[in-house]
């Protein structure tokens, strides 16, 4: 079992302002639907540039959902550029190498000390990336949706030829994290357009580090 780094995860730090922020975000997500009108089961989180707090948002949202009554939440690190979840949850960021592509998730799922929350670190995904076809990735996602009530995917920034554009169309929706007073409106709009053009269901924008 892996443990969380409480210094990095504000929801667990008795920070009521932070906790309220993520409870509000979770509640709003709960009112949204996928493109077929069903509940959101697998949600990605991305940004227009590195360092905008995507991992922090994804991790705190997953914790909030797990402690608020969701039976099972899986947090997946798909950001091969920066394996931050491994650091946040104090676990080996490489992990064991799965024997088959079909074990992309199963070979790396680890329970956490938070009841109802498990994580998949970046090691398995990065080591298998070139061997996975879009069809196989879709199958993995469908299996995760079968086994968990909610899957949250920490995606790489939506820039260049980011894998984010491969994941996006396979998910129920994606949140775009924008760091207030750092990311320009033009940059955010460009990423929004690229996500929509890649057939990604954009759920909305999360403003991070917004001045009070």
C-alpha atoms as a PDB file:
ATOM      1  CA  UNK A   1       0.000   0.000   0.000  1.00  0.00           C
ATOM      2  CA  UNK A   2       1.301   3.456  -0.842  1.00  0.00           C
ATOM      3  CA  UNK A   3       0.808   6.572   1.229  1.00  0.00           C
ATOM      4  CA  UNK A   4       0.167  10.142   0.249  1.00  0.00           C
ATOM      5  CA  UNK A   5       2.461  13.103   0.772  1.00  0.00           C
ATOM      6  CA  UNK A   6       0.094  15.286   2.784  1.00  0.00           C
ATOM      7  CA  UNK A   7       2.204  18.366   2.250  1.00  0.00           C
ATOM      8  CA  UNK A   8       1.425  18.140  -1.448  1.00  0.00           C
ATOM      9  CA  UNK A   9      -2.267  17.286  -1.238  1.00  0.00           C
ATOM     10  CA  UNK A  10      -4.141  20.196   0.286  1.00  0.00           C
ATOM     11  CA  UNK A  11      -7.437  18.337   0.715  1.00  0.00           C
ATOM     12  CA  UNK A  12      -5.761  16.146   3.338  1.00  0.00           C
ATOM     13  CA  UNK A  13      -4.090  19.044   5.125  1.00  0.00           C
ATOM     14  CA  UNK A  14      -7.200  20.281   6.943  1.00  0.00           C
ATOM     15  CA  UNK A  15      -7.228  23.182   4.503  1.00  0.00           C
ATOM     16  CA  UNK A  16     -10.930  23.965   4.474  1.00  0.00           C
ATOM     17  CA  UNK A  17     -10.649  26.481   1.631  1.00  0.00           C
ATOM     18  CA  UNK A  18      -8.904  23.899  -0.547  1.00  0.00           C
ATOM     19  CA  UNK A  19     -11.329  21.151   0.446  1.00  0.00           C
ATOM     20  CA  UNK A  20     -14.333  23.331  -0.318  1.00  0.00           C
ATOM     21  CA  UNK A  21     -12.876  24.219  -3.712  1.00  0.00           C
ATOM     22  CA  UNK A  22     -12.581  20.567  -4.698  1.00  0.00           C
ATOM     23  CA  UNK A  23     -15.967  19.621  -3.258  1.00  0.00           C
ATOM     24  CA  UNK A  24     -17.480  22.329  -5.456  1.00  0.00           C
ATOM     25  CA  UNK A  25     -15.560  21.071  -8.488  1.00  0.00           C
ATOM     26  CA  UNK A  26     -16.666  17.485  -7.812  1.00  0.00           C
ATOM     27  CA  UNK A  27     -20.292  18.591  -7.401  1.00  0.00           C
ATOM     28  CA  UNK A  28     -20.236  20.456 -10.703  1.00  0.00           C
ATOM     29  CA  UNK A  29     -18.703  17.475 -12.471  1.00  0.00           C
ATOM     30  CA  UNK A  30     -21.446  15.315 -11.006  1.00  0.00           C
ATOM     31  CA  UNK A  31     -24.039  17.410 -12.806  1.00  0.00           C
ATOM     32  CA  UNK A  32     -22.343  17.014 -16.190  1.00  0.00           C
ATOM     33  CA  UNK A  33     -22.827  14.147 -18.632  1.00  0.00           C
ATOM     34  CA  UNK A  34     -20.828  12.487 -21.367  1.00  0.00           C
ATOM     35  CA  UNK A  35     -21.730  12.995 -25.015  1.00  0.00           C
ATOM     36  CA  UNK A  36     -24.242  10.131 -24.812  1.00  0.00           C
ATOM     37  CA  UNK A  37     -26.041  11.738 -21.901  1.00  0.00           C
ATOM     38  CA  UNK A  38     -24.712   9.321 -19.297  1.00  0.00           C
ATOM     39  CA  UNK A  39     -22.742  10.066 -16.115  1.00  0.00           C
ATOM     40  CA  UNK A  40     -19.050  10.876 -16.349  1.00  0.00           C
ATOM     41  CA  UNK A  41     -17.021   7.736 -15.609  1.00  0.00           C
ATOM     42  CA  UNK A  42     -13.558   8.644 -16.887  1.00  0.00           C
ATOM     43  CA  UNK A  43     -12.302  12.226 -16.833  1.00  0.00           C
ATOM     44  CA  UNK A  44      -8.981  13.634 -18.024  1.00  0.00           C
ATOM     45  CA  UNK A  45      -7.205  16.726 -16.711  1.00  0.00           C
ATOM     46  CA  UNK A  46      -4.796  18.703 -18.914  1.00  0.00           C
ATOM     47  CA  UNK A  47      -3.391  22.199 -19.438  1.00  0.00           C
ATOM     48  CA  UNK A  48      -1.968  24.443 -22.127  1.00  0.00           C
ATOM     49  CA  UNK A  49       1.558  24.451 -20.615  1.00  0.00           C
ATOM     50  CA  UNK A  50       3.615  22.536 -18.047  1.00  0.00           C
ATOM     51  CA  UNK A  51       3.468  23.609 -14.430  1.00  0.00           C
ATOM     52  CA  UNK A  52      -0.140  24.794 -14.269  1.00  0.00           C
ATOM     53  CA  UNK A  53      -1.091  22.376 -11.502  1.00  0.00           C
ATOM     54  CA  UNK A  54      -2.737  19.560 -13.457  1.00  0.00           C
ATOM     55  CA  UNK A  55      -1.436  16.824 -11.158  1.00  0.00           C
ATOM     56  CA  UNK A  56      -2.484  18.722  -8.043  1.00  0.00           C
ATOM     57  CA  UNK A  57      -5.990  19.224  -9.429  1.00  0.00           C
ATOM     58  CA  UNK A  58      -6.314  15.602 -10.579  1.00  0.00           C
ATOM     59  CA  UNK A  59      -5.033  14.175  -7.286  1.00  0.00           C
ATOM     60  CA  UNK A  60      -7.121  16.379  -5.024  1.00  0.00           C
ATOM     61  CA  UNK A  61     -10.223  15.778  -7.136  1.00  0.00           C
ATOM     62  CA  UNK A  62      -9.682  12.018  -6.946  1.00  0.00           C
ATOM     63  CA  UNK A  63      -9.230  12.172  -3.160  1.00  0.00           C
ATOM     64  CA  UNK A  64     -12.335  14.323  -2.780  1.00  0.00           C
ATOM     65  CA  UNK A  65     -14.425  11.875  -4.802  1.00  0.00           C
ATOM     66  CA  UNK A  66     -13.070   8.890  -2.861  1.00  0.00           C
ATOM     67  CA  UNK A  67     -13.728  10.332   0.606  1.00  0.00           C
ATOM     68  CA  UNK A  68     -17.153  11.689  -0.310  1.00  0.00           C
ATOM     69  CA  UNK A  69     -18.749   8.316  -0.932  1.00  0.00           C
ATOM     70  CA  UNK A  70     -17.589   7.068  -4.321  1.00  0.00           C
ATOM     71  CA  UNK A  71     -17.130   3.312  -3.977  1.00  0.00           C
ATOM     72  CA  UNK A  72     -13.933   3.189  -6.008  1.00  0.00           C
ATOM     73  CA  UNK A  73     -11.776   5.784  -7.725  1.00  0.00           C
ATOM     74  CA  UNK A  74      -8.739   5.100  -9.927  1.00  0.00           C
ATOM     75  CA  UNK A  75      -6.207   7.884 -10.494  1.00  0.00           C
ATOM     76  CA  UNK A  76      -4.052   7.282 -13.585  1.00  0.00           C
ATOM     77  CA  UNK A  77      -0.785   9.083 -14.321  1.00  0.00           C
ATOM     78  CA  UNK A  78      -0.604   9.408 -18.107  1.00  0.00           C
ATOM     79  CA  UNK A  79       1.803  12.336 -18.072  1.00  0.00           C
ATOM     80  CA  UNK A  80       4.974  10.725 -19.346  1.00  0.00           C
ATOM     81  CA  UNK A  81       6.817  14.063 -19.272  1.00  0.00           C
ATOM     82  CA  UNK A  82       6.490  14.521 -15.513  1.00  0.00           C
ATOM     83  CA  UNK A  83       5.600  11.548 -13.311  1.00  0.00           C
ATOM     84  CA  UNK A  84       4.386  13.706 -10.444  1.00  0.00           C
ATOM     85  CA  UNK A  85       1.813  11.313  -9.007  1.00  0.00           C
ATOM     86  CA  UNK A  86       4.575   8.942  -7.961  1.00  0.00           C
ATOM     87  CA  UNK A  87       6.124  11.732  -5.914  1.00  0.00           C
ATOM     88  CA  UNK A  88       2.831  12.899  -4.440  1.00  0.00           C
ATOM     89  CA  UNK A  89       1.886   9.408  -3.325  1.00  0.00           C
ATOM     90  CA  UNK A  90       5.394   8.380  -2.271  1.00  0.00           C
ATOM     91  CA  UNK A  91       5.655   5.351  -4.547  1.00  0.00           C
ATOM     92  CA  UNK A  92       8.083   3.951  -7.103  1.00  0.00           C
ATOM     93  CA  UNK A  93       7.541   5.963 -10.272  1.00  0.00           C
ATOM     94  CA  UNK A  94       8.793   3.145 -12.509  1.00  0.00           C
ATOM     95  CA  UNK A  95       6.964   0.178 -11.030  1.00  0.00           C
ATOM     96  CA  UNK A  96       7.023  -3.387 -12.400  1.00  0.00           C
ATOM     97  CA  UNK A  97       6.903  -3.979 -16.134  1.00  0.00           C
ATOM     98  CA  UNK A  98       3.672  -5.736 -17.199  1.00  0.00           C
ATOM     99  CA  UNK A  99       3.975  -8.983 -19.139  1.00  0.00           C
ATOM    100  CA  UNK A 100       1.434  -8.014 -21.772  1.00  0.00           C
ATOM    101  CA  UNK A 101      -0.097  -4.855 -23.178  1.00  0.00           C
ATOM    102  CA  UNK A 102      -3.396  -6.031 -21.698  1.00  0.00           C
ATOM    103  CA  UNK A 103      -1.908  -5.411 -18.261  1.00  0.00           C
ATOM    104  CA  UNK A 104      -1.296  -1.722 -18.902  1.00  0.00           C
ATOM    105  CA  UNK A 105      -3.438  -0.795 -15.902  1.00  0.00           C
ATOM    106  CA  UNK A 106      -3.716  -4.072 -13.991  1.00  0.00           C
ATOM    107  CA  UNK A 107       0.029  -4.506 -13.635  1.00  0.00           C
ATOM    108  CA  UNK A 108       0.385  -1.097 -12.013  1.00  0.00           C
ATOM    109  CA  UNK A 109      -2.711  -0.497  -9.881  1.00  0.00           C
ATOM    110  CA  UNK A 110      -1.715   0.129  -6.288  1.00  0.00           C
ATOM    111  CA  UNK A 111      -4.019   0.812  -3.327  1.00  0.00           C
ATOM    112  CA  UNK A 112      -3.459   3.943  -1.279  1.00  0.00           C
ATOM    113  CA  UNK A 113      -4.006   4.687   2.375  1.00  0.00           C
ATOM    114  CA  UNK A 114      -7.174   6.527   1.322  1.00  0.00           C
ATOM    115  CA  UNK A 115     -10.115   4.134   1.322  1.00  0.00           C
ATOM    116  CA  UNK A 116     -11.585   3.723  -2.134  1.00  0.00           C
ATOM    117  CA  UNK A 117      -8.659   5.260  -4.007  1.00  0.00           C
ATOM    118  CA  UNK A 118      -6.070   3.425  -6.108  1.00  0.00           C
ATOM    119  CA  UNK A 119      -3.420   4.851  -8.414  1.00  0.00           C
ATOM    120  CA  UNK A 120      -1.585   3.840 -11.575  1.00  0.00           C
ATOM    121  CA  UNK A 121       1.827   5.483 -11.869  1.00  0.00           C
ATOM    122  CA  UNK A 122       3.424   6.441 -15.154  1.00  0.00           C
ATOM    123  CA  UNK A 123       5.907   3.535 -15.398  1.00  0.00           C
ATOM    124  CA  UNK A 124       3.607   1.019 -17.034  1.00  0.00           C
ATOM    125  CA  UNK A 125       2.129   3.441 -19.514  1.00  0.00           C
ATOM    126  CA  UNK A 126       5.481   4.910 -20.552  1.00  0.00           C
ATOM    127  CA  UNK A 127       7.121   1.504 -20.947  1.00  0.00           C
ATOM    128  CA  UNK A 128       4.286   0.231 -23.155  1.00  0.00           C
ATOM    129  CA  UNK A 129       3.411   3.420 -25.048  1.00  0.00           C
ATOM    130  CA  UNK A 130       4.883   2.516 -28.438  1.00  0.00           C
ATOM    131  CA  UNK A 131       3.277  -0.921 -28.359  1.00  0.00           C
ATOM    132  CA  UNK A 132      -0.287   0.224 -27.696  1.00  0.00           C
ATOM    133  CA  UNK A 133      -2.711   0.853 -30.513  1.00  0.00           C
ATOM    134  CA  UNK A 134      -5.693   3.205 -30.077  1.00  0.00           C
ATOM    135  CA  UNK A 135      -7.967   0.139 -30.087  1.00  0.00           C
ATOM    136  CA  UNK A 136      -6.004  -1.478 -27.257  1.00  0.00           C
ATOM    137  CA  UNK A 137      -6.010   1.755 -25.281  1.00  0.00           C
ATOM    138  CA  UNK A 138      -9.789   1.913 -25.704  1.00  0.00           C
ATOM    139  CA  UNK A 139     -10.080  -1.627 -24.361  1.00  0.00           C
ATOM    140  CA  UNK A 140      -7.976  -0.739 -21.324  1.00  0.00           C
ATOM    141  CA  UNK A 141     -10.153   2.280 -20.622  1.00  0.00           C
ATOM    142  CA  UNK A 142     -13.333   0.218 -20.942  1.00  0.00           C
ATOM    143  CA  UNK A 143     -11.950  -2.299 -18.434  1.00  0.00           C
ATOM    144  CA  UNK A 144     -11.102   0.487 -16.013  1.00  0.00           C
ATOM    145  CA  UNK A 145     -14.637   1.876 -16.318  1.00  0.00           C
ATOM    146  CA  UNK A 146     -15.999  -1.574 -15.584  1.00  0.00           C
ATOM    147  CA  UNK A 147     -13.969  -1.980 -12.408  1.00  0.00           C
ATOM    148  CA  UNK A 148     -14.118   1.569 -10.993  1.00  0.00           C
ATOM    149  CA  UNK A 149     -16.911   4.054 -10.400  1.00  0.00           C
ATOM    150  CA  UNK A 150     -14.708   6.921 -11.518  1.00  0.00           C
ATOM    151  CA  UNK A 151     -11.351   7.114 -13.317  1.00  0.00           C
ATOM    152  CA  UNK A 152      -9.385  10.367 -13.342  1.00  0.00           C
ATOM    153  CA  UNK A 153      -6.474  10.651 -15.786  1.00  0.00           C
ATOM    154  CA  UNK A 154      -3.583  13.062 -15.208  1.00  0.00           C
ATOM    155  CA  UNK A 155      -2.704  13.993 -18.803  1.00  0.00           C
ATOM    156  CA  UNK A 156       0.338  15.695 -20.282  1.00  0.00           C
ATOM    157  CA  UNK A 157      -0.077  19.318 -21.457  1.00  0.00           C
ATOM    158  CA  UNK A 158      -2.046  19.702 -24.679  1.00  0.00           C
ATOM    159  CA  UNK A 159       0.866  21.023 -26.714  1.00  0.00           C
ATOM    160  CA  UNK A 160       2.695  19.836 -29.822  1.00  0.00           C
ATOM    161  CA  UNK A 161       2.122  16.125 -30.478  1.00  0.00           C
ATOM    162  CA  UNK A 162       1.143  15.420 -26.894  1.00  0.00           C
ATOM    163  CA  UNK A 163      -0.365  11.970 -26.067  1.00  0.00           C
ATOM    164  CA  UNK A 164      -3.182  14.032 -24.578  1.00  0.00           C
ATOM    165  CA  UNK A 165      -4.726  14.165 -28.049  1.00  0.00           C
ATOM    166  CA  UNK A 166      -4.720  10.356 -28.239  1.00  0.00           C
ATOM    167  CA  UNK A 167      -6.367   9.965 -24.835  1.00  0.00           C
ATOM    168  CA  UNK A 168      -8.878  12.784 -25.163  1.00  0.00           C
ATOM    169  CA  UNK A 169     -11.344  11.237 -27.650  1.00  0.00           C
ATOM    170  CA  UNK A 170     -11.421   8.006 -25.607  1.00  0.00           C
ATOM    171  CA  UNK A 171     -12.495   9.691 -22.364  1.00  0.00           C
ATOM    172  CA  UNK A 172     -15.908  10.912 -21.241  1.00  0.00           C
ATOM    173  CA  UNK A 173     -14.488  14.408 -21.049  1.00  0.00           C
ATOM    174  CA  UNK A 174     -11.472  16.544 -20.237  1.00  0.00           C
ATOM    175  CA  UNK A 175     -10.951  19.469 -17.851  1.00  0.00           C
ATOM    176  CA  UNK A 176      -8.561  22.214 -18.945  1.00  0.00           C
ATOM    177  CA  UNK A 177      -6.512  23.709 -16.094  1.00  0.00           C
ATOM    178  CA  UNK A 178      -5.543  27.348 -16.621  1.00  0.00           C
ATOM    179  CA  UNK A 179      -3.244  29.097 -14.183  1.00  0.00           C
ATOM    180  CA  UNK A 180      -4.719  32.511 -13.482  1.00  0.00           C
ATOM    181  CA  UNK A 181      -2.603  35.508 -14.445  1.00  0.00           C
ATOM    182  CA  UNK A 182      -0.042  33.286 -16.170  1.00  0.00           C
ATOM    183  CA  UNK A 183      -1.743  31.667 -19.152  1.00  0.00           C
ATOM    184  CA  UNK A 184      -2.983  34.098 -21.784  1.00  0.00           C
ATOM    185  CA  UNK A 185      -6.521  33.927 -23.075  1.00  0.00           C
ATOM    186  CA  UNK A 186      -5.130  33.353 -26.571  1.00  0.00           C
ATOM    187  CA  UNK A 187      -3.091  30.316 -25.464  1.00  0.00           C
ATOM    188  CA  UNK A 188      -6.066  28.825 -23.641  1.00  0.00           C
ATOM    189  CA  UNK A 189      -8.343  29.355 -26.647  1.00  0.00           C
ATOM    190  CA  UNK A 190      -5.816  27.715 -28.970  1.00  0.00           C
ATOM    191  CA  UNK A 191      -5.672  24.624 -26.750  1.00  0.00           C
ATOM    192  CA  UNK A 192      -9.462  24.581 -26.481  1.00  0.00           C
ATOM    193  CA  UNK A 193      -9.719  24.576 -30.285  1.00  0.00           C
ATOM    194  CA  UNK A 194      -7.156  21.783 -30.633  1.00  0.00           C
ATOM    195  CA  UNK A 195      -8.925  19.620 -28.074  1.00  0.00           C
ATOM    196  CA  UNK A 196     -12.292  20.090 -29.753  1.00  0.00           C
ATOM    197  CA  UNK A 197     -10.774  19.408 -33.189  1.00  0.00           C
ATOM    198  CA  UNK A 198      -9.325  16.147 -31.830  1.00  0.00           C
ATOM    199  CA  UNK A 199     -12.906  15.111 -30.925  1.00  0.00           C
ATOM    200  CA  UNK A 200     -12.276  15.560 -27.219  1.00  0.00           C
ATOM    201  CA  UNK A 201     -15.323  16.440 -25.105  1.00  0.00           C
ATOM    202  CA  UNK A 202     -14.181  19.563 -23.250  1.00  0.00           C
ATOM    203  CA  UNK A 203     -15.991  19.695 -19.904  1.00  0.00           C
ATOM    204  CA  UNK A 204     -14.807  23.123 -18.820  1.00  0.00           C
ATOM    205  CA  UNK A 205     -11.949  25.191 -17.465  1.00  0.00           C
ATOM    206  CA  UNK A 206     -10.470  25.051 -13.955  1.00  0.00           C
ATOM    207  CA  UNK A 207      -8.787  28.302 -12.905  1.00  0.00           C
ATOM    208  CA  UNK A 208      -5.832  27.469 -10.681  1.00  0.00           C
ATOM    209  CA  UNK A 209      -3.973  29.816  -8.289  1.00  0.00           C
ATOM    210  CA  UNK A 210      -6.640  32.429  -8.757  1.00  0.00           C
ATOM    211  CA  UNK A 211      -6.075  35.459  -6.492  1.00  0.00           C
ATOM    212  CA  UNK A 212      -8.626  35.732  -3.681  1.00  0.00           C
END
